[in-house]
Amino acid sequence: MQRTEVNSGQVKSIGYSEAERTLEVEFTSNAVYVYKDVPPGVYEEFMRAESKGRFFGLFVRPCYEYERLHREGCGKYGDCHIPLCSCFCHALTKSSRKVPNPDLEKDLRKSIKQAKKRKAGQ
């Protein structure tokens, strides 16, 4: 779907498919969402709105079913193997990964402290 870049602090670009009645919104965070069953008039008003972020918050997000799109080939949620993947979920999971076993993290920190003490004592 072709998206048109817009001048907004929150919304980067907007696209619409009249045949499918879907609205595609790319945010400045590079996340892309598709909103389903959106009438053409809503898209037209969105494009004319002085504040795209405000219009989106009032008339799109709370009113239509949506799903987040992922870049083609993206493994989603940390399983992505595309070098320099720009998919929103890929970037998000890399920056917010948690240690899978929190108990192991405590043991590891304790072991590192003990090693530093031994090294300092030599």
PDB file of N, CA and C in Angstrom:
ATOM      1  N   MET A   1       0.854  -1.183   0.000  1.00  0.00           N
ATOM      2  CA  MET A   1       0.000   0.000   0.000  1.00  0.00           C
ATOM      3  C   MET A   1       0.895   1.240   0.000  1.00  0.00           C
ATOM      4  N   GLN A   2       0.583   2.173  -0.846  1.00  0.00           N
ATOM      5  CA  GLN A   2       1.322   3.429  -0.898  1.00  0.00           C
ATOM      6  C   GLN A   2       0.871   4.315   0.259  1.00  0.00           C
ATOM      7  N   ARG A   3       1.840   4.851   0.988  1.00  0.00           N
ATOM      8  CA  ARG A   3       1.519   5.788   2.066  1.00  0.00           C
ATOM      9  C   ARG A   3       2.045   7.166   1.688  1.00  0.00           C
ATOM     10  N   THR A   4       1.329   8.179   2.136  1.00  0.00           N
ATOM     11  CA  THR A   4       1.721   9.559   1.902  1.00  0.00           C
ATOM     12  C   THR A   4       2.335  10.119   3.176  1.00  0.00           C
ATOM     13  N   GLU A   5       3.529  10.692   3.066  1.00  0.00           N
ATOM     14  CA  GLU A   5       4.160  11.292   4.241  1.00  0.00           C
ATOM     15  C   GLU A   5       3.370  12.522   4.662  1.00  0.00           C
ATOM     16  N   VAL A   6       3.258  12.692   5.978  1.00  0.00           N
ATOM     17  CA  VAL A   6       2.513  13.823   6.521  1.00  0.00           C
ATOM     18  C   VAL A   6       3.392  14.583   7.512  1.00  0.00           C
ATOM     19  N   ASN A   7       3.003  15.807   7.774  1.00  0.00           N
ATOM     20  CA  ASN A   7       3.736  16.656   8.705  1.00  0.00           C
ATOM     21  C   ASN A   7       3.082  16.534  10.074  1.00  0.00           C
ATOM     22  N   SER A   8       3.681  15.695  10.925  1.00  0.00           N
ATOM     23  CA  SER A   8       3.100  15.448  12.242  1.00  0.00           C
ATOM     24  C   SER A   8       4.193  15.009  13.194  1.00  0.00           C
ATOM     25  N   GLY A   9       3.994  15.272  14.455  1.00  0.00           N
ATOM     26  CA  GLY A   9       4.952  14.852  15.459  1.00  0.00           C
ATOM     27  C   GLY A   9       4.827  13.375  15.804  1.00  0.00           C
ATOM     28  N   GLN A  10       3.662  12.765  15.554  1.00  0.00           N
ATOM     29  CA  GLN A  10       3.422  11.362  15.898  1.00  0.00           C
ATOM     30  C   GLN A  10       3.279  10.459  14.681  1.00  0.00           C
ATOM     31  N   VAL A  11       2.679  10.961  13.633  1.00  0.00           N
ATOM     32  CA  VAL A  11       2.369  10.157  12.453  1.00  0.00           C
ATOM     33  C   VAL A  11       3.348  10.505  11.338  1.00  0.00           C
ATOM     34  N   LYS A  12       3.991   9.474  10.797  1.00  0.00           N
ATOM     35  CA  LYS A  12       4.974   9.675   9.731  1.00  0.00           C
ATOM     36  C   LYS A  12       4.319   9.633   8.350  1.00  0.00           C
ATOM     37  N   SER A  13       3.445   8.623   8.129  1.00  0.00           N
ATOM     38  CA  SER A  13       2.775   8.508   6.834  1.00  0.00           C
ATOM     39  C   SER A  13       1.434   7.779   6.993  1.00  0.00           C
ATOM     40  N   ILE A  14       0.560   8.020   5.993  1.00  0.00           N
ATOM     41  CA  ILE A  14      -0.789   7.454   6.021  1.00  0.00           C
ATOM     42  C   ILE A  14      -1.107   6.891   4.637  1.00  0.00           C
ATOM     43  N   GLY A  15      -1.701   5.696   4.618  1.00  0.00           N
ATOM     44  CA  GLY A  15      -2.138   5.095   3.364  1.00  0.00           C
ATOM     45  C   GLY A  15      -3.547   4.563   3.518  1.00  0.00           C
ATOM     46  N   TYR A  16      -4.223   4.381   2.373  1.00  0.00           N
ATOM     47  CA  TYR A  16      -5.594   3.886   2.430  1.00  0.00           C
ATOM     48  C   TYR A  16      -5.892   3.045   1.203  1.00  0.00           C
ATOM     49  N   SER A  17      -6.569   1.918   1.422  1.00  0.00           N
ATOM     50  CA  SER A  17      -7.050   1.077   0.326  1.00  0.00           C
ATOM     51  C   SER A  17      -8.566   1.129   0.345  1.00  0.00           C
ATOM     52  N   GLU A  18      -9.129   1.768  -0.667  1.00  0.00           N
ATOM     53  CA  GLU A  18     -10.584   1.895  -0.718  1.00  0.00           C
ATOM     54  C   GLU A  18     -11.238   0.544  -0.963  1.00  0.00           C
ATOM     55  N   ALA A  19     -10.591  -0.309  -1.768  1.00  0.00           N
ATOM     56  CA  ALA A  19     -11.146  -1.629  -2.069  1.00  0.00           C
ATOM     57  C   ALA A  19     -11.244  -2.491  -0.808  1.00  0.00           C
ATOM     58  N   GLU A  20     -10.227  -2.426   0.044  1.00  0.00           N
ATOM     59  CA  GLU A  20     -10.206  -3.229   1.269  1.00  0.00           C
ATOM     60  C   GLU A  20     -10.701  -2.472   2.494  1.00  0.00           C
ATOM     61  N   ARG A  21     -10.892  -1.165   2.333  1.00  0.00           N
ATOM     62  CA  ARG A  21     -11.311  -0.282   3.437  1.00  0.00           C
ATOM     63  C   ARG A  21     -10.348  -0.376   4.623  1.00  0.00           C
ATOM     64  N   THR A  22      -9.051  -0.372   4.302  1.00  0.00           N
ATOM     65  CA  THR A  22      -8.034  -0.433   5.356  1.00  0.00           C
ATOM     66  C   THR A  22      -7.197   0.842   5.349  1.00  0.00           C
ATOM     67  N   LEU A  23      -6.906   1.292   6.538  1.00  0.00           N
ATOM     68  CA  LEU A  23      -6.093   2.486   6.746  1.00  0.00           C
ATOM     69  C   LEU A  23      -4.764   2.023   7.327  1.00  0.00           C
ATOM     70  N   GLU A  24      -3.670   2.445   6.726  1.00  0.00           N
ATOM     71  CA  GLU A  24      -2.345   2.071   7.202  1.00  0.00           C
ATOM     72  C   GLU A  24      -1.677   3.323   7.750  1.00  0.00           C
ATOM     73  N   VAL A  25      -1.208   3.240   8.991  1.00  0.00           N
ATOM     74  CA  VAL A  25      -0.589   4.387   9.644  1.00  0.00           C
ATOM     75  C   VAL A  25       0.815   4.007  10.095  1.00  0.00           C
ATOM     76  N   GLU A  26       1.803   4.772   9.632  1.00  0.00           N
ATOM     77  CA  GLU A  26       3.186   4.593  10.081  1.00  0.00           C
ATOM     78  C   GLU A  26       3.488   5.724  11.053  1.00  0.00           C
ATOM     79  N   PHE A  27       3.972   5.351  12.227  1.00  0.00           N
ATOM     80  CA  PHE A  27       4.274   6.343  13.254  1.00  0.00           C
ATOM     81  C   PHE A  27       5.741   6.753  13.185  1.00  0.00           C
ATOM     82  N   THR A  28       6.087   7.810  13.866  1.00  0.00           N
ATOM     83  CA  THR A  28       7.468   8.282  13.862  1.00  0.00           C
ATOM     84  C   THR A  28       8.412   7.275  14.516  1.00  0.00           C
ATOM     85  N   SER A  29       7.885   6.322  15.258  1.00  0.00           N
ATOM     86  CA  SER A  29       8.686   5.255  15.869  1.00  0.00           C
ATOM     87  C   SER A  29       8.982   4.144  14.867  1.00  0.00           C
ATOM     88  N   ASN A  30       8.476   4.270  13.633  1.00  0.00           N
ATOM     89  CA  ASN A  30       8.571   3.287  12.549  1.00  0.00           C
ATOM     90  C   ASN A  30       7.605   2.119  12.712  1.00  0.00           C
ATOM     91  N   ALA A  31       6.770   2.117  13.732  1.00  0.00           N
ATOM     92  CA  ALA A  31       5.735   1.100  13.867  1.00  0.00           C
ATOM     93  C   ALA A  31       4.663   1.372  12.815  1.00  0.00           C
ATOM     94  N   VAL A  32       4.156   0.301  12.191  1.00  0.00           N
ATOM     95  CA  VAL A  32       3.111   0.436  11.178  1.00  0.00           C
ATOM     96  C   VAL A  32       1.909  -0.395  11.624  1.00  0.00           C
ATOM     97  N   TYR A  33       0.755   0.240  11.659  1.00  0.00           N
ATOM     98  CA  TYR A  33      -0.487  -0.425  12.050  1.00  0.00           C
ATOM     99  C   TYR A  33      -1.496  -0.322  10.913  1.00  0.00           C
ATOM    100  N   VAL A  34      -2.321  -1.366  10.789  1.00  0.00           N
ATOM    101  CA  VAL A  34      -3.398  -1.382   9.802  1.00  0.00           C
ATOM    102  C   VAL A  34      -4.721  -1.378  10.564  1.00  0.00           C
ATOM    103  N   TYR A  35      -5.599  -0.449  10.205  1.00  0.00           N
ATOM    104  CA  TYR A  35      -6.917  -0.319  10.824  1.00  0.00           C
ATOM    105  C   TYR A  35      -7.946  -0.803   9.813  1.00  0.00           C
ATOM    106  N   LYS A  36      -8.845  -1.695  10.258  1.00  0.00           N
ATOM    107  CA  LYS A  36      -9.767  -2.382   9.357  1.00  0.00           C
ATOM    108  C   LYS A  36     -11.148  -1.740   9.326  1.00  0.00           C
ATOM    109  N   ASP A  37     -11.771  -1.855   8.158  1.00  0.00           N
ATOM    110  CA  ASP A  37     -13.145  -1.404   7.931  1.00  0.00           C
ATOM    111  C   ASP A  37     -13.316   0.100   8.193  1.00  0.00           C
ATOM    112  N   VAL A  38     -12.366   0.882   7.696  1.00  0.00           N
ATOM    113  CA  VAL A  38     -12.390   2.339   7.872  1.00  0.00           C
ATOM    114  C   VAL A  38     -13.060   2.962   6.641  1.00  0.00           C
ATOM    115  N   PRO A  39     -14.115   3.747   6.835  1.00  0.00           N
ATOM    116  CA  PRO A  39     -14.784   4.391   5.704  1.00  0.00           C
ATOM    117  C   PRO A  39     -13.858   5.403   5.013  1.00  0.00           C
ATOM    118  N   PRO A  40     -14.037   5.597   3.698  1.00  0.00           N
ATOM    119  CA  PRO A  40     -13.201   6.552   2.961  1.00  0.00           C
ATOM    120  C   PRO A  40     -13.257   7.965   3.538  1.00  0.00           C
ATOM    121  N   GLY A  41     -14.411   8.350   4.073  1.00  0.00           N
ATOM    122  CA  GLY A  41     -14.553   9.692   4.637  1.00  0.00           C
ATOM    123  C   GLY A  41     -13.632   9.927   5.830  1.00  0.00           C
ATOM    124  N   VAL A  42     -13.410   8.907   6.624  1.00  0.00           N
ATOM    125  CA  VAL A  42     -12.517   9.037   7.786  1.00  0.00           C
ATOM    126  C   VAL A  42     -11.087   9.268   7.307  1.00  0.00           C
ATOM    127  N   TYR A  43     -10.678   8.514   6.277  1.00  0.00           N
ATOM    128  CA  TYR A  43      -9.337   8.708   5.711  1.00  0.00           C
ATOM    129  C   TYR A  43      -9.184  10.137   5.179  1.00  0.00           C
ATOM    130  N   GLU A  44     -10.171  10.608   4.433  1.00  0.00           N
ATOM    131  CA  GLU A  44     -10.112  11.954   3.855  1.00  0.00           C
ATOM    132  C   GLU A  44     -10.023  13.017   4.952  1.00  0.00           C
ATOM    133  N   GLU A  45     -10.823  12.861   6.008  1.00  0.00           N
ATOM    134  CA  GLU A  45     -10.762  13.811   7.122  1.00  0.00           C
ATOM    135  C   GLU A  45      -9.409  13.743   7.841  1.00  0.00           C
ATOM    136  N   PHE A  46      -8.884  12.533   7.986  1.00  0.00           N
ATOM    137  CA  PHE A  46      -7.576  12.333   8.613  1.00  0.00           C
ATOM    138  C   PHE A  46      -6.503  13.097   7.830  1.00  0.00           C
ATOM    139  N   MET A  47      -6.540  12.976   6.513  1.00  0.00           N
ATOM    140  CA  MET A  47      -5.551  13.658   5.678  1.00  0.00           C
ATOM    141  C   MET A  47      -5.700  15.184   5.738  1.00  0.00           C
ATOM    142  N   ARG A  48      -6.918  15.660   5.941  1.00  0.00           N
ATOM    143  CA  ARG A  48      -7.148  17.111   6.015  1.00  0.00           C
ATOM    144  C   ARG A  48      -6.938  17.674   7.416  1.00  0.00           C
ATOM    145  N   ALA A  49      -6.893  16.831   8.410  1.00  0.00           N
ATOM    146  CA  ALA A  49      -6.810  17.292   9.800  1.00  0.00           C
ATOM    147  C   ALA A  49      -5.542  18.108  10.034  1.00  0.00           C
ATOM    148  N   GLU A  50      -5.711  19.188  10.752  1.00  0.00           N
ATOM    149  CA  GLU A  50      -4.568  20.039  11.080  1.00  0.00           C
ATOM    150  C   GLU A  50      -3.615  19.314  12.021  1.00  0.00           C
ATOM    151  N   SER A  51      -4.172  18.595  12.997  1.00  0.00           N
ATOM    152  CA  SER A  51      -3.373  17.803  13.924  1.00  0.00           C
ATOM    153  C   SER A  51      -3.659  16.321  13.674  1.00  0.00           C
ATOM    154  N   LYS A  52      -2.737  15.659  12.994  1.00  0.00           N
ATOM    155  CA  LYS A  52      -2.920  14.237  12.669  1.00  0.00           C
ATOM    156  C   LYS A  52      -2.945  13.387  13.945  1.00  0.00           C
ATOM    157  N   GLY A  53      -2.085  13.697  14.892  1.00  0.00           N
ATOM    158  CA  GLY A  53      -2.034  12.939  16.135  1.00  0.00           C
ATOM    159  C   GLY A  53      -3.325  13.033  16.923  1.00  0.00           C
ATOM    160  N   ARG A  54      -3.871  14.218  17.001  1.00  0.00           N
ATOM    161  CA  ARG A  54      -5.131  14.417  17.729  1.00  0.00           C
ATOM    162  C   ARG A  54      -6.284  13.699  17.031  1.00  0.00           C
ATOM    163  N   PHE A  55      -6.361  13.843  15.701  1.00  0.00           N
ATOM    164  CA  PHE A  55      -7.413  13.173  14.946  1.00  0.00           C
ATOM    165  C   PHE A  55      -7.306  11.664  15.136  1.00  0.00           C
ATOM    166  N   PHE A  56      -6.093  11.139  15.025  1.00  0.00           N
ATOM    167  CA  PHE A  56      -5.872   9.714  15.198  1.00  0.00           C
ATOM    168  C   PHE A  56      -6.344   9.251  16.575  1.00  0.00           C
ATOM    169  N   GLY A  57      -5.966   9.982  17.605  1.00  0.00           N
ATOM    170  CA  GLY A  57      -6.329   9.616  18.976  1.00  0.00           C
ATOM    171  C   GLY A  57      -7.823   9.659  19.251  1.00  0.00           C
ATOM    172  N   LEU A  58      -8.534  10.538  18.571  1.00  0.00           N
ATOM    173  CA  LEU A  58      -9.976  10.672  18.802  1.00  0.00           C
ATOM    174  C   LEU A  58     -10.842   9.827  17.878  1.00  0.00           C
ATOM    175  N   PHE A  59     -10.441   9.715  16.604  1.00  0.00           N
ATOM    176  CA  PHE A  59     -11.343   9.136  15.610  1.00  0.00           C
ATOM    177  C   PHE A  59     -10.855   7.853  14.937  1.00  0.00           C
ATOM    178  N   VAL A  60      -9.639   7.418  15.224  1.00  0.00           N
ATOM    179  CA  VAL A  60      -9.146   6.189  14.586  1.00  0.00           C
ATOM    180  C   VAL A  60      -8.833   5.123  15.623  1.00  0.00           C
ATOM    181  N   ARG A  61      -7.855   5.378  16.484  1.00  0.00           N
ATOM    182  CA  ARG A  61      -7.402   4.351  17.432  1.00  0.00           C
ATOM    183  C   ARG A  61      -8.531   3.728  18.249  1.00  0.00           C
ATOM    184  N   PRO A  62      -9.423   4.531  18.851  1.00  0.00           N
ATOM    185  CA  PRO A  62     -10.464   3.898  19.687  1.00  0.00           C
ATOM    186  C   PRO A  62     -11.643   3.316  18.897  1.00  0.00           C
ATOM    187  N   CYS A  63     -11.665   3.532  17.587  1.00  0.00           N
ATOM    188  CA  CYS A  63     -12.867   3.184  16.827  1.00  0.00           C
ATOM    189  C   CYS A  63     -12.746   1.977  15.903  1.00  0.00           C
ATOM    190  N   TYR A  64     -11.536   1.550  15.574  1.00  0.00           N
ATOM    191  CA  TYR A  64     -11.381   0.503  14.568  1.00  0.00           C
ATOM    192  C   TYR A  64     -10.443  -0.603  15.047  1.00  0.00           C
ATOM    193  N   GLU A  65     -10.744  -1.827  14.609  1.00  0.00           N
ATOM    194  CA  GLU A  65      -9.897  -2.971  14.902  1.00  0.00           C
ATOM    195  C   GLU A  65      -8.570  -2.778  14.157  1.00  0.00           C
ATOM    196  N   TYR A  66      -7.476  -3.213  14.765  1.00  0.00           N
ATOM    197  CA  TYR A  66      -6.174  -2.988  14.143  1.00  0.00           C
ATOM    198  C   TYR A  66      -5.227  -4.145  14.411  1.00  0.00           C
ATOM    199  N   GLU A  67      -4.132  -4.150  13.654  1.00  0.00           N
ATOM    200  CA  GLU A  67      -3.030  -5.074  13.913  1.00  0.00           C
ATOM    201  C   GLU A  67      -1.737  -4.406  13.488  1.00  0.00           C
ATOM    202  N   ARG A  68      -0.657  -4.778  14.151  1.00  0.00           N
ATOM    203  CA  ARG A  68       0.654  -4.214  13.820  1.00  0.00           C
ATOM    204  C   ARG A  68       1.252  -5.012  12.677  1.00  0.00           C
ATOM    205  N   LEU A  69       1.797  -4.304  11.687  1.00  0.00           N
ATOM    206  CA  LEU A  69       2.451  -4.958  10.565  1.00  0.00           C
ATOM    207  C   LEU A  69       3.925  -5.153  10.889  1.00  0.00           C
ATOM    208  N   HIS A  70       4.487  -6.201  10.324  1.00  0.00           N
ATOM    209  CA  HIS A  70       5.905  -6.463  10.467  1.00  0.00           C
ATOM    210  C   HIS A  70       6.523  -6.470   9.080  1.00  0.00           C
ATOM    211  N   ARG A  71       7.775  -6.088   9.011  1.00  0.00           N
ATOM    212  CA  ARG A  71       8.479  -6.082   7.751  1.00  0.00           C
ATOM    213  C   ARG A  71       8.530  -7.500   7.190  1.00  0.00           C
ATOM    214  N   GLU A  72       8.441  -7.635   5.871  1.00  0.00           N
ATOM    215  CA  GLU A  72       8.460  -8.955   5.260  1.00  0.00           C
ATOM    216  C   GLU A  72       9.743  -9.695   5.651  1.00  0.00           C
ATOM    217  N   GLY A  73       9.579 -10.897   6.139  1.00  0.00           N
ATOM    218  CA  GLY A  73      10.729 -11.695   6.555  1.00  0.00           C
ATOM    219  C   GLY A  73      11.101 -11.519   8.012  1.00  0.00           C
ATOM    220  N   CYS A  74      10.461 -10.584   8.684  1.00  0.00           N
ATOM    221  CA  CYS A  74      10.778 -10.348  10.098  1.00  0.00           C
ATOM    222  C   CYS A  74      10.297 -11.539  10.918  1.00  0.00           C
ATOM    223  N   GLY A  75      11.159 -12.036  11.790  1.00  0.00           N
ATOM    224  CA  GLY A  75      10.808 -13.168  12.634  1.00  0.00           C
ATOM    225  C   GLY A  75       9.990 -12.765  13.837  1.00  0.00           C
ATOM    226  N   LYS A  76       9.800 -11.500  14.071  1.00  0.00           N
ATOM    227  CA  LYS A  76       9.011 -10.945  15.169  1.00  0.00           C
ATOM    228  C   LYS A  76       9.579 -11.277  16.540  1.00  0.00           C
ATOM    229  N   TYR A  77       9.520 -10.337  17.418  1.00  0.00           N
ATOM    230  CA  TYR A  77       9.817 -10.503  18.833  1.00  0.00           C
ATOM    231  C   TYR A  77      11.154 -11.178  19.137  1.00  0.00           C
ATOM    232  N   GLY A  78      12.204 -10.712  18.510  1.00  0.00           N
ATOM    233  CA  GLY A  78      13.539 -11.205  18.833  1.00  0.00           C
ATOM    234  C   GLY A  78      13.989 -12.399  18.038  1.00  0.00           C
ATOM    235  N   ASP A  79      13.144 -12.990  17.190  1.00  0.00           N
ATOM    236  CA  ASP A  79      13.548 -14.128  16.371  1.00  0.00           C
ATOM    237  C   ASP A  79      13.943 -13.684  14.968  1.00  0.00           C
ATOM    238  N   CYS A  80      14.189 -12.425  14.784  1.00  0.00           N
ATOM    239  CA  CYS A  80      14.488 -11.886  13.470  1.00  0.00           C
ATOM    240  C   CYS A  80      15.968 -12.067  13.151  1.00  0.00           C
ATOM    241  N   HIS A  81      16.249 -12.478  11.931  1.00  0.00           N
ATOM    242  CA  HIS A  81      17.629 -12.681  11.506  1.00  0.00           C
ATOM    243  C   HIS A  81      18.003 -11.748  10.356  1.00  0.00           C
ATOM    244  N   ILE A  82      17.214 -10.717  10.129  1.00  0.00           N
ATOM    245  CA  ILE A  82      17.497  -9.752   9.072  1.00  0.00           C
ATOM    246  C   ILE A  82      18.493  -8.735   9.628  1.00  0.00           C
ATOM    247  N   PRO A  83      19.667  -8.592   9.003  1.00  0.00           N
ATOM    248  CA  PRO A  83      20.624  -7.589   9.484  1.00  0.00           C
ATOM    249  C   PRO A  83      20.007  -6.193   9.420  1.00  0.00           C
ATOM    250  N   LEU A  84      20.182  -5.450  10.480  1.00  0.00           N
ATOM    251  CA  LEU A  84      19.672  -4.080  10.583  1.00  0.00           C
ATOM    252  C   LEU A  84      18.184  -3.982  10.301  1.00  0.00           C
ATOM    253  N   CYS A  85      17.421  -4.933  10.797  1.00  0.00           N
ATOM    254  CA  CYS A  85      15.969  -4.945  10.600  1.00  0.00           C
ATOM    255  C   CYS A  85      15.369  -3.663  11.177  1.00  0.00           C
ATOM    256  N   SER A  86      14.480  -3.053  10.424  1.00  0.00           N
ATOM    257  CA  SER A  86      13.868  -1.803  10.885  1.00  0.00           C
ATOM    258  C   SER A  86      12.456  -2.014  11.405  1.00  0.00           C
ATOM    259  N   CYS A  87      12.051  -3.269  11.558  1.00  0.00           N
ATOM    260  CA  CYS A  87      10.709  -3.540  12.061  1.00  0.00           C
ATOM    261  C   CYS A  87      10.619  -3.062  13.512  1.00  0.00           C
ATOM    262  N   PHE A  88       9.535  -2.433  13.858  1.00  0.00           N
ATOM    263  CA  PHE A  88       9.358  -1.851  15.180  1.00  0.00           C
ATOM    264  C   PHE A  88       9.520  -2.880  16.295  1.00  0.00           C
ATOM    265  N   CYS A  89       8.901  -4.042  16.134  1.00  0.00           N
ATOM    266  CA  CYS A  89       8.950  -5.043  17.201  1.00  0.00           C
ATOM    267  C   CYS A  89      10.368  -5.558  17.394  1.00  0.00           C
ATOM    268  N   HIS A  90      11.138  -5.637  16.320  1.00  0.00           N
ATOM    269  CA  HIS A  90      12.509  -6.131  16.415  1.00  0.00           C
ATOM    270  C   HIS A  90      13.361  -5.171  17.244  1.00  0.00           C
ATOM    271  N   ALA A  91      13.239  -3.897  16.955  1.00  0.00           N
ATOM    272  CA  ALA A  91      14.004  -2.901  17.709  1.00  0.00           C
ATOM    273  C   ALA A  91      13.560  -2.875  19.163  1.00  0.00           C
ATOM    274  N   LEU A  92      12.268  -3.023  19.395  1.00  0.00           N
ATOM    275  CA  LEU A  92      11.730  -2.976  20.748  1.00  0.00           C
ATOM    276  C   LEU A  92      12.237  -4.140  21.583  1.00  0.00           C
ATOM    277  N   THR A  93      12.219  -5.334  21.035  1.00  0.00           N
ATOM    278  CA  THR A  93      12.623  -6.491  21.822  1.00  0.00           C
ATOM    279  C   THR A  93      14.119  -6.477  22.102  1.00  0.00           C
ATOM    280  N   LYS A  94      14.916  -5.942  21.199  1.00  0.00           N
ATOM    281  CA  LYS A  94      16.358  -5.888  21.454  1.00  0.00           C
ATOM    282  C   LYS A  94      16.662  -4.984  22.638  1.00  0.00           C
ATOM    283  N   SER A  95      15.949  -3.875  22.747  1.00  0.00           N
ATOM    284  CA  SER A  95      16.233  -2.922  23.806  1.00  0.00           C
ATOM    285  C   SER A  95      15.588  -3.299  25.136  1.00  0.00           C
ATOM    286  N   SER A  96      14.612  -4.213  25.111  1.00  0.00           N
ATOM    287  CA  SER A  96      13.902  -4.517  26.345  1.00  0.00           C
ATOM    288  C   SER A  96      13.988  -6.002  26.725  1.00  0.00           C
ATOM    289  N   ARG A  97      15.014  -6.683  26.249  1.00  0.00           N
ATOM    290  CA  ARG A  97      15.153  -8.110  26.582  1.00  0.00           C
ATOM    291  C   ARG A  97      15.405  -8.292  28.062  1.00  0.00           C
ATOM    292  N   LYS A  98      14.813  -9.328  28.612  1.00  0.00           N
ATOM    293  CA  LYS A  98      14.997  -9.657  30.023  1.00  0.00           C
ATOM    294  C   LYS A  98      15.804 -10.940  30.124  1.00  0.00           C
ATOM    295  N   VAL A  99      16.478 -11.101  31.225  1.00  0.00           N
ATOM    296  CA  VAL A  99      17.219 -12.323  31.463  1.00  0.00           C
ATOM    297  C   VAL A  99      16.210 -13.444  31.646  1.00  0.00           C
ATOM    298  N   PRO A 100      16.327 -14.563  30.883  1.00  0.00           N
ATOM    299  CA  PRO A 100      15.317 -15.612  30.963  1.00  0.00           C
ATOM    300  C   PRO A 100      15.238 -16.299  32.316  1.00  0.00           C
ATOM    301  N   ASN A 101      16.342 -16.354  33.037  1.00  0.00           N
ATOM    302  CA  ASN A 101      16.357 -16.988  34.346  1.00  0.00           C
ATOM    303  C   ASN A 101      16.883 -15.976  35.367  1.00  0.00           C
ATOM    304  N   PRO A 102      16.005 -15.283  36.077  1.00  0.00           N
ATOM    305  CA  PRO A 102      16.450 -14.238  36.996  1.00  0.00           C
ATOM    306  C   PRO A 102      17.355 -14.772  38.102  1.00  0.00           C
ATOM    307  N   ASP A 103      17.175 -16.035  38.528  1.00  0.00           N
ATOM    308  CA  ASP A 103      18.034 -16.599  39.566  1.00  0.00           C
ATOM    309  C   ASP A 103      19.469 -16.736  39.067  1.00  0.00           C
ATOM    310  N   LEU A 104      19.626 -17.094  37.815  1.00  0.00           N
ATOM    311  CA  LEU A 104      20.948 -17.209  37.223  1.00  0.00           C
ATOM    312  C   LEU A 104      21.641 -15.848  37.201  1.00  0.00           C
ATOM    313  N   GLU A 105      20.881 -14.797  36.968  1.00  0.00           N
ATOM    314  CA  GLU A 105      21.446 -13.454  36.944  1.00  0.00           C
ATOM    315  C   GLU A 105      22.050 -13.116  38.315  1.00  0.00           C
ATOM    316  N   LYS A 106      21.366 -13.441  39.398  1.00  0.00           N
ATOM    317  CA  LYS A 106      21.877 -13.168  40.750  1.00  0.00           C
ATOM    318  C   LYS A 106      23.175 -13.923  40.991  1.00  0.00           C
ATOM    319  N   ASP A 107      23.195 -15.215  40.610  1.00  0.00           N
ATOM    320  CA  ASP A 107      24.399 -16.022  40.779  1.00  0.00           C
ATOM    321  C   ASP A 107      25.554 -15.459  39.958  1.00  0.00           C
ATOM    322  N   LEU A 108      25.259 -15.016  38.764  1.00  0.00           N
ATOM    323  CA  LEU A 108      26.287 -14.463  37.894  1.00  0.00           C
ATOM    324  C   LEU A 108      26.864 -13.179  38.480  1.00  0.00           C
ATOM    325  N   ARG A 109      26.007 -12.316  38.984  1.00  0.00           N
ATOM    326  CA  ARG A 109      26.483 -11.068  39.601  1.00  0.00           C
ATOM    327  C   ARG A 109      27.362 -11.367  40.820  1.00  0.00           C
ATOM    328  N   LYS A 110      26.937 -12.328  41.623  1.00  0.00           N
ATOM    329  CA  LYS A 110      27.712 -12.718  42.808  1.00  0.00           C
ATOM    330  C   LYS A 110      29.087 -13.256  42.398  1.00  0.00           C
ATOM    331  N   SER A 111      29.116 -14.076  41.375  1.00  0.00           N
ATOM    332  CA  SER A 111      30.362 -14.650  40.874  1.00  0.00           C
ATOM    333  C   SER A 111      31.299 -13.560  40.351  1.00  0.00           C
ATOM    334  N   ILE A 112      30.751 -12.581  39.657  1.00  0.00           N
ATOM    335  CA  ILE A 112      31.574 -11.480  39.131  1.00  0.00           C
ATOM    336  C   ILE A 112      32.166 -10.664  40.272  1.00  0.00           C
ATOM    337  N   LYS A 113      31.369 -10.394  41.300  1.00  0.00           N
ATOM    338  CA  LYS A 113      31.879  -9.648  42.465  1.00  0.00           C
ATOM    339  C   LYS A 113      33.024 -10.401  43.139  1.00  0.00           C
ATOM    340  N   GLN A 114      32.856 -11.719  43.300  1.00  0.00           N
ATOM    341  CA  GLN A 114      33.900 -12.528  43.930  1.00  0.00           C
ATOM    342  C   GLN A 114      35.176 -12.518  43.093  1.00  0.00           C
ATOM    343  N   ALA A 115      35.042 -12.592  41.787  1.00  0.00           N
ATOM    344  CA  ALA A 115      36.204 -12.576  40.899  1.00  0.00           C
ATOM    345  C   ALA A 115      36.927 -11.232  40.991  1.00  0.00           C
ATOM    346  N   LYS A 116      36.160 -10.141  41.070  1.00  0.00           N
ATOM    347  CA  LYS A 116      36.785  -8.804  41.186  1.00  0.00           C
ATOM    348  C   LYS A 116      37.538  -8.681  42.507  1.00  0.00           C
ATOM    349  N   LYS A 117      36.978  -9.219  43.600  1.00  0.00           N
ATOM    350  CA  LYS A 117      37.645  -9.171  44.897  1.00  0.00           C
ATOM    351  C   LYS A 117      38.955  -9.948  44.860  1.00  0.00           C
ATOM    352  N   ARG A 118      38.925 -11.142  44.254  1.00  0.00           N
ATOM    353  CA  ARG A 118      40.143 -11.958  44.144  1.00  0.00           C
ATOM    354  C   ARG A 118      41.207 -11.248  43.335  1.00  0.00           C
ATOM    355  N   LYS A 119      40.783 -10.624  42.253  1.00  0.00           N
ATOM    356  CA  LYS A 119      41.718  -9.918  41.383  1.00  0.00           C
ATOM    357  C   LYS A 119      42.331  -8.732  42.118  1.00  0.00           C
ATOM    358  N   ALA A 120      41.531  -8.034  42.914  1.00  0.00           N
ATOM    359  CA  ALA A 120      42.003  -6.868  43.671  1.00  0.00           C
ATOM    360  C   ALA A 120      42.969  -7.313  44.781  1.00  0.00           C
ATOM    361  N   GLY A 121      42.778  -8.523  45.329  1.00  0.00           N
ATOM    362  CA  GLY A 121      43.609  -9.040  46.420  1.00  0.00           C
ATOM    363  C   GLY A 121      44.958  -9.544  45.935  1.00  0.00           C
ATOM    364  N   GLN A 122      45.144  -9.774  44.654  1.00  0.00           N
ATOM    365  CA  GLN A 122      46.412 -10.305  44.149  1.00  0.00           C
ATOM    366  C   GLN A 122      47.500  -9.287  44.134  1.00  0.00           C
TER     367      GLN A 122
END
